Amino acid sequence: MKKLITQSFLLFFIIFSFYNVTYASKASLQDIIWNKVDSHLIVSFKLKGVFSSQLNEVVLSGTPVTFTFFVILYKVRDYWVDKKIVNITIDHMMKYDILQEKFIMKRSWRIDEVSITESFSEAQKAMTEVSNLKIFPFDWLENDCRYQIGIKAELSKDNWPRNLRSAFFFSPSWGFETDWYILDFNH
């Protein structure tokens, strides 16, 4: 009997794990571009496939939602561990004001900027796009070296009420986490 319970639990765990992995693969980063602007290395990208019907319901109920983006710059070294030069974490927060029927967005990399809109599609666009994010002064990069920019995004559950964080465990369709996207370039 114990063996049957153990096997059933293991089967449930494996199925649940694959369900999480299957959903997580829907979110992706696209249109990733790096450039040199005003002597800085900048990056721009878009997050696609994150607003499920369940997440839309959570947002429209007035619960604040935060998307967290991770951007890392590495110097690639042959025959040695790559050197991490910059590690940036940025947050895009959105809250729907039910009384005023407006979306309020704050982006941590745009200090003191608060965007307000009545359009859900405009709010979604502001939440999923990062443009011209300054990563590092370009002149500080060594010549004749290879570099990599790694980018990843996820739904942050830190600012959710405790009951929603608990429910999130059983409902993976609300959340997302992208794979790491790597850009190589030489300087």
C-alpha atoms as a PDB file:
ATOM      1  CA  MET A   1       0.000   0.000   0.000  1.00  0.00           C
ATOM      2  CA  LYS A   2       2.836   2.400   0.862  1.00  0.00           C
ATOM      3  CA  LYS A   3       4.461   1.618  -2.472  1.00  0.00           C
ATOM      4  CA  LEU A   4       1.247   2.452  -4.340  1.00  0.00           C
ATOM      5  CA  ILE A   5       0.892   5.790  -2.508  1.00  0.00           C
ATOM      6  CA  THR A   6       4.536   6.636  -3.188  1.00  0.00           C
ATOM      7  CA  GLN A   7       4.193   5.789  -6.887  1.00  0.00           C
ATOM      8  CA  SER A   8       0.962   7.792  -7.190  1.00  0.00           C
ATOM      9  CA  PHE A   9       2.557  10.803  -5.517  1.00  0.00           C
ATOM     10  CA  LEU A  10       5.606  10.532  -7.771  1.00  0.00           C
ATOM     11  CA  LEU A  11       3.427  10.302 -10.895  1.00  0.00           C
ATOM     12  CA  PHE A  12       1.403  13.359  -9.810  1.00  0.00           C
ATOM     13  CA  PHE A  13       4.609  15.301  -9.129  1.00  0.00           C
ATOM     14  CA  ILE A  14       6.073  14.445 -12.551  1.00  0.00           C
ATOM     15  CA  ILE A  15       2.873  15.416 -14.388  1.00  0.00           C
ATOM     16  CA  PHE A  16       2.600  18.673 -12.436  1.00  0.00           C
ATOM     17  CA  SER A  17       6.248  19.500 -13.170  1.00  0.00           C
ATOM     18  CA  PHE A  18       5.800  18.943 -16.902  1.00  0.00           C
ATOM     19  CA  TYR A  19       2.658  21.082 -16.860  1.00  0.00           C
ATOM     20  CA  ASN A  20       4.642  23.974 -15.365  1.00  0.00           C
ATOM     21  CA  VAL A  21       7.455  23.558 -17.902  1.00  0.00           C
ATOM     22  CA  THR A  22       4.990  23.395 -20.798  1.00  0.00           C
ATOM     23  CA  TYR A  23       3.294  26.637 -19.816  1.00  0.00           C
ATOM     24  CA  ALA A  24       6.512  28.458 -19.042  1.00  0.00           C
ATOM     25  CA  SER A  25       7.740  27.914 -22.606  1.00  0.00           C
ATOM     26  CA  LYS A  26       4.966  30.179 -24.010  1.00  0.00           C
ATOM     27  CA  ALA A  27       6.536  33.390 -22.708  1.00  0.00           C
ATOM     28  CA  SER A  28       9.443  34.635 -24.787  1.00  0.00           C
ATOM     29  CA  LEU A  29      11.667  37.624 -25.391  1.00  0.00           C
ATOM     30  CA  GLN A  30      11.683  38.955 -28.944  1.00  0.00           C
ATOM     31  CA  ASP A  31      13.116  41.789 -31.011  1.00  0.00           C
ATOM     32  CA  ILE A  32      16.273  41.839 -28.883  1.00  0.00           C
ATOM     33  CA  ILE A  33      18.648  44.519 -30.149  1.00  0.00           C
ATOM     34  CA  TRP A  34      21.857  45.935 -28.725  1.00  0.00           C
ATOM     35  CA  ASN A  35      23.447  49.151 -29.938  1.00  0.00           C
ATOM     36  CA  LYS A  36      25.866  51.929 -29.051  1.00  0.00           C
ATOM     37  CA  VAL A  37      24.063  55.185 -28.252  1.00  0.00           C
ATOM     38  CA  ASP A  38      25.721  58.224 -26.679  1.00  0.00           C
ATOM     39  CA  SER A  39      28.814  56.125 -25.870  1.00  0.00           C
ATOM     40  CA  HIS A  40      26.716  53.593 -23.911  1.00  0.00           C
ATOM     41  CA  LEU A  41      25.907  49.982 -24.645  1.00  0.00           C
ATOM     42  CA  ILE A  42      22.094  49.821 -24.750  1.00  0.00           C
ATOM     43  CA  VAL A  43      19.607  47.003 -25.201  1.00  0.00           C
ATOM     44  CA  SER A  44      15.960  46.898 -26.283  1.00  0.00           C
ATOM     45  CA  PHE A  45      13.546  43.939 -26.251  1.00  0.00           C
ATOM     46  CA  LYS A  46       9.890  42.889 -26.043  1.00  0.00           C
ATOM     47  CA  LEU A  47       8.227  40.270 -23.865  1.00  0.00           C
ATOM     48  CA  LYS A  48       5.577  38.208 -25.684  1.00  0.00           C
ATOM     49  CA  GLY A  49       2.948  35.671 -24.636  1.00  0.00           C
ATOM     50  CA  VAL A  50       2.577  36.622 -20.973  1.00  0.00           C
ATOM     51  CA  PHE A  51      -0.942  38.013 -20.594  1.00  0.00           C
ATOM     52  CA  SER A  52      -3.126  34.935 -20.136  1.00  0.00           C
ATOM     53  CA  SER A  53      -6.830  35.275 -19.351  1.00  0.00           C
ATOM     54  CA  GLN A  54      -6.095  34.360 -15.722  1.00  0.00           C
ATOM     55  CA  LEU A  55      -3.418  37.061 -15.400  1.00  0.00           C
ATOM     56  CA  ASN A  56      -5.776  39.576 -17.026  1.00  0.00           C
ATOM     57  CA  GLU A  57      -8.399  38.762 -14.373  1.00  0.00           C
ATOM     58  CA  VAL A  58      -5.839  39.274 -11.604  1.00  0.00           C
ATOM     59  CA  VAL A  59      -4.805  42.648 -13.042  1.00  0.00           C
ATOM     60  CA  LEU A  60      -8.381  43.845 -13.588  1.00  0.00           C
ATOM     61  CA  SER A  61      -9.252  42.939  -9.993  1.00  0.00           C
ATOM     62  CA  GLY A  62      -6.818  45.636  -8.832  1.00  0.00           C
ATOM     63  CA  THR A  63      -3.970  43.383  -7.716  1.00  0.00           C
ATOM     64  CA  PRO A  64      -0.555  44.919  -8.479  1.00  0.00           C
ATOM     65  CA  VAL A  65       1.524  42.879 -10.926  1.00  0.00           C
ATOM     66  CA  THR A  66       5.295  43.146 -11.355  1.00  0.00           C
ATOM     67  CA  PHE A  67       7.387  41.843 -14.241  1.00  0.00           C
ATOM     68  CA  THR A  68      11.067  41.462 -13.360  1.00  0.00           C
ATOM     69  CA  PHE A  69      13.752  41.581 -16.044  1.00  0.00           C
ATOM     70  CA  PHE A  70      17.336  40.411 -15.511  1.00  0.00           C
ATOM     71  CA  VAL A  71      20.110  41.756 -17.767  1.00  0.00           C
ATOM     72  CA  ILE A  72      23.676  40.529 -17.342  1.00  0.00           C
ATOM     73  CA  LEU A  73      26.794  41.539 -19.277  1.00  0.00           C
ATOM     74  CA  TYR A  74      29.671  39.041 -19.383  1.00  0.00           C
ATOM     75  CA  LYS A  75      33.164  39.220 -20.766  1.00  0.00           C
ATOM     76  CA  VAL A  76      33.763  35.838 -22.406  1.00  0.00           C
ATOM     77  CA  ARG A  77      37.111  34.312 -21.478  1.00  0.00           C
ATOM     78  CA  ASP A  78      38.426  31.218 -23.193  1.00  0.00           C
ATOM     79  CA  TYR A  79      39.639  28.454 -20.894  1.00  0.00           C
ATOM     80  CA  TRP A  80      38.372  30.358 -17.864  1.00  0.00           C
ATOM     81  CA  VAL A  81      35.107  31.305 -16.192  1.00  0.00           C
ATOM     82  CA  ASP A  82      33.367  34.237 -17.868  1.00  0.00           C
ATOM     83  CA  LYS A  83      33.641  37.530 -16.004  1.00  0.00           C
ATOM     84  CA  LYS A  84      30.366  39.154 -14.953  1.00  0.00           C
ATOM     85  CA  ILE A  85      30.652  42.880 -15.614  1.00  0.00           C
ATOM     86  CA  VAL A  86      27.125  44.135 -14.951  1.00  0.00           C
ATOM     87  CA  ASN A  87      24.066  42.572 -13.317  1.00  0.00           C
ATOM     88  CA  ILE A  88      20.900  44.671 -13.719  1.00  0.00           C
ATOM     89  CA  THR A  89      17.445  43.873 -12.339  1.00  0.00           C
ATOM     90  CA  ILE A  90      14.543  46.040 -13.424  1.00  0.00           C
ATOM     91  CA  ASP A  91      10.883  45.905 -12.439  1.00  0.00           C
ATOM     92  CA  HIS A  92       7.785  46.969 -14.334  1.00  0.00           C
ATOM     93  CA  MET A  93       4.832  47.360 -11.968  1.00  0.00           C
ATOM     94  CA  MET A  94       1.204  47.772 -13.034  1.00  0.00           C
ATOM     95  CA  LYS A  95      -1.850  48.389 -10.872  1.00  0.00           C
ATOM     96  CA  TYR A  96      -5.416  48.901 -12.034  1.00  0.00           C
ATOM     97  CA  ASP A  97      -7.311  51.588 -10.124  1.00  0.00           C
ATOM     98  CA  ILE A  98     -10.841  50.185 -10.065  1.00  0.00           C
ATOM     99  CA  LEU A  99     -12.482  53.449  -8.979  1.00  0.00           C
ATOM    100  CA  GLN A 100     -10.849  55.670 -11.611  1.00  0.00           C
ATOM    101  CA  GLU A 101     -10.661  52.846 -14.224  1.00  0.00           C
ATOM    102  CA  LYS A 102      -7.031  53.660 -15.017  1.00  0.00           C
ATOM    103  CA  PHE A 103      -3.839  51.634 -15.214  1.00  0.00           C
ATOM    104  CA  ILE A 104      -0.829  52.981 -13.327  1.00  0.00           C
ATOM    105  CA  MET A 105       2.622  51.770 -14.412  1.00  0.00           C
ATOM    106  CA  LYS A 106       6.043  52.335 -12.859  1.00  0.00           C
ATOM    107  CA  ARG A 107       9.298  51.157 -14.397  1.00  0.00           C
ATOM    108  CA  SER A 108      12.304  51.040 -12.081  1.00  0.00           C
ATOM    109  CA  TRP A 109      14.809  51.982 -14.776  1.00  0.00           C
ATOM    110  CA  ARG A 110      12.908  55.167 -15.559  1.00  0.00           C
ATOM    111  CA  ILE A 111      13.229  56.954 -12.246  1.00  0.00           C
ATOM    112  CA  ASP A 112      10.363  59.252 -11.216  1.00  0.00           C
ATOM    113  CA  GLU A 113       8.298  58.318 -14.278  1.00  0.00           C
ATOM    114  CA  VAL A 114       4.746  57.118 -13.699  1.00  0.00           C
ATOM    115  CA  SER A 115       2.576  56.289 -16.709  1.00  0.00           C
ATOM    116  CA  ILE A 116      -1.205  56.391 -16.482  1.00  0.00           C
ATOM    117  CA  THR A 117      -3.571  55.149 -19.178  1.00  0.00           C
ATOM    118  CA  GLU A 118      -7.159  54.009 -19.536  1.00  0.00           C
ATOM    119  CA  SER A 119      -6.261  51.489 -22.256  1.00  0.00           C
ATOM    120  CA  PHE A 120      -5.419  47.950 -21.179  1.00  0.00           C
ATOM    121  CA  SER A 121      -3.539  47.313 -24.446  1.00  0.00           C
ATOM    122  CA  GLU A 122      -1.337  50.399 -23.874  1.00  0.00           C
ATOM    123  CA  ALA A 123      -0.675  49.252 -20.312  1.00  0.00           C
ATOM    124  CA  GLN A 124       0.293  45.785 -21.561  1.00  0.00           C
ATOM    125  CA  LYS A 125       2.643  47.321 -24.126  1.00  0.00           C
ATOM    126  CA  ALA A 126       4.320  49.485 -21.461  1.00  0.00           C
ATOM    127  CA  MET A 127       4.741  46.438 -19.222  1.00  0.00           C
ATOM    128  CA  THR A 128       6.299  44.227 -21.880  1.00  0.00           C
ATOM    129  CA  GLU A 129       8.685  46.577 -23.695  1.00  0.00           C
ATOM    130  CA  VAL A 130      12.125  47.767 -22.663  1.00  0.00           C
ATOM    131  CA  SER A 131      13.750  50.257 -25.000  1.00  0.00           C
ATOM    132  CA  ASN A 132      17.182  51.860 -24.831  1.00  0.00           C
ATOM    133  CA  LEU A 133      18.165  50.460 -21.448  1.00  0.00           C
ATOM    134  CA  LYS A 134      21.690  51.696 -20.691  1.00  0.00           C
ATOM    135  CA  ILE A 135      23.848  48.773 -19.621  1.00  0.00           C
ATOM    136  CA  PHE A 136      27.440  49.978 -19.535  1.00  0.00           C
ATOM    137  CA  PRO A 137      29.678  52.744 -20.936  1.00  0.00           C
ATOM    138  CA  PHE A 138      30.847  51.374 -24.279  1.00  0.00           C
ATOM    139  CA  ASP A 139      34.286  52.972 -23.965  1.00  0.00           C
ATOM    140  CA  TRP A 140      34.956  50.947 -20.799  1.00  0.00           C
ATOM    141  CA  LEU A 141      34.788  47.666 -22.738  1.00  0.00           C
ATOM    142  CA  GLU A 142      38.155  46.227 -23.713  1.00  0.00           C
ATOM    143  CA  ASN A 143      39.029  46.101 -27.408  1.00  0.00           C
ATOM    144  CA  ASP A 144      39.360  42.773 -29.241  1.00  0.00           C
ATOM    145  CA  CYS A 145      37.241  40.940 -26.663  1.00  0.00           C
ATOM    146  CA  ARG A 146      34.077  38.899 -26.884  1.00  0.00           C
ATOM    147  CA  TYR A 147      31.046  39.802 -24.749  1.00  0.00           C
ATOM    148  CA  GLN A 148      27.626  38.321 -24.013  1.00  0.00           C
ATOM    149  CA  ILE A 149      24.404  39.953 -22.883  1.00  0.00           C
ATOM    150  CA  GLY A 150      22.007  37.613 -21.071  1.00  0.00           C
ATOM    151  CA  ILE A 151      18.342  38.581 -20.664  1.00  0.00           C
ATOM    152  CA  LYS A 152      15.543  36.841 -18.771  1.00  0.00           C
ATOM    153  CA  ALA A 153      12.040  37.842 -17.561  1.00  0.00           C
ATOM    154  CA  GLU A 154       9.613  36.515 -14.954  1.00  0.00           C
ATOM    155  CA  LEU A 155       6.442  37.387 -13.104  1.00  0.00           C
ATOM    156  CA  SER A 156       7.352  38.487  -9.594  1.00  0.00           C
ATOM    157  CA  LYS A 157       5.084  37.185  -6.845  1.00  0.00           C
ATOM    158  CA  ASP A 158       6.759  39.145  -4.036  1.00  0.00           C
ATOM    159  CA  ASN A 159       4.211  41.949  -3.857  1.00  0.00           C
ATOM    160  CA  TRP A 160       1.131  39.736  -4.196  1.00  0.00           C
ATOM    161  CA  PRO A 161      -1.127  39.163  -1.202  1.00  0.00           C
ATOM    162  CA  ARG A 162      -0.346  35.941   0.685  1.00  0.00           C
ATOM    163  CA  ASN A 163      -3.536  34.155  -0.471  1.00  0.00           C
ATOM    164  CA  LEU A 164      -2.684  34.809  -4.140  1.00  0.00           C
ATOM    165  CA  ARG A 165       0.886  33.564  -3.654  1.00  0.00           C
ATOM    166  CA  SER A 166      -0.545  30.312  -2.275  1.00  0.00           C
ATOM    167  CA  ALA A 167      -3.002  29.983  -5.139  1.00  0.00           C
ATOM    168  CA  PHE A 168      -0.196  30.717  -7.613  1.00  0.00           C
ATOM    169  CA  PHE A 169       1.478  27.444  -6.630  1.00  0.00           C
ATOM    170  CA  PHE A 170      -1.540  25.506  -7.869  1.00  0.00           C
ATOM    171  CA  SER A 171      -2.225  27.664 -10.931  1.00  0.00           C
ATOM    172  CA  PRO A 172       0.893  27.935 -13.089  1.00  0.00           C
ATOM    173  CA  SER A 173      -1.035  29.562 -15.941  1.00  0.00           C
ATOM    174  CA  TRP A 174      -0.920  32.898 -14.094  1.00  0.00           C
ATOM    175  CA  GLY A 175       2.839  33.099 -14.121  1.00  0.00           C
ATOM    176  CA  PHE A 176       5.715  32.926 -16.527  1.00  0.00           C
ATOM    177  CA  GLU A 177       9.455  32.673 -16.639  1.00  0.00           C
ATOM    178  CA  THR A 178      11.405  32.908 -19.871  1.00  0.00           C
ATOM    179  CA  ASP A 179      14.599  31.126 -20.747  1.00  0.00           C
ATOM    180  CA  TRP A 180      17.843  33.063 -20.777  1.00  0.00           C
ATOM    181  CA  TYR A 181      18.400  34.791 -24.122  1.00  0.00           C
ATOM    182  CA  ILE A 182      22.054  35.349 -24.976  1.00  0.00           C
ATOM    183  CA  LEU A 183      23.482  37.896 -27.438  1.00  0.00           C
ATOM    184  CA  ASP A 184      27.135  37.613 -28.490  1.00  0.00           C
ATOM    185  CA  PHE A 185      29.173  40.536 -29.771  1.00  0.00           C
ATOM    186  CA  ASN A 186      32.799  41.494 -30.269  1.00  0.00           C
ATOM    187  CA  HIS A 187      34.352  44.813 -29.408  1.00  0.00           C
END
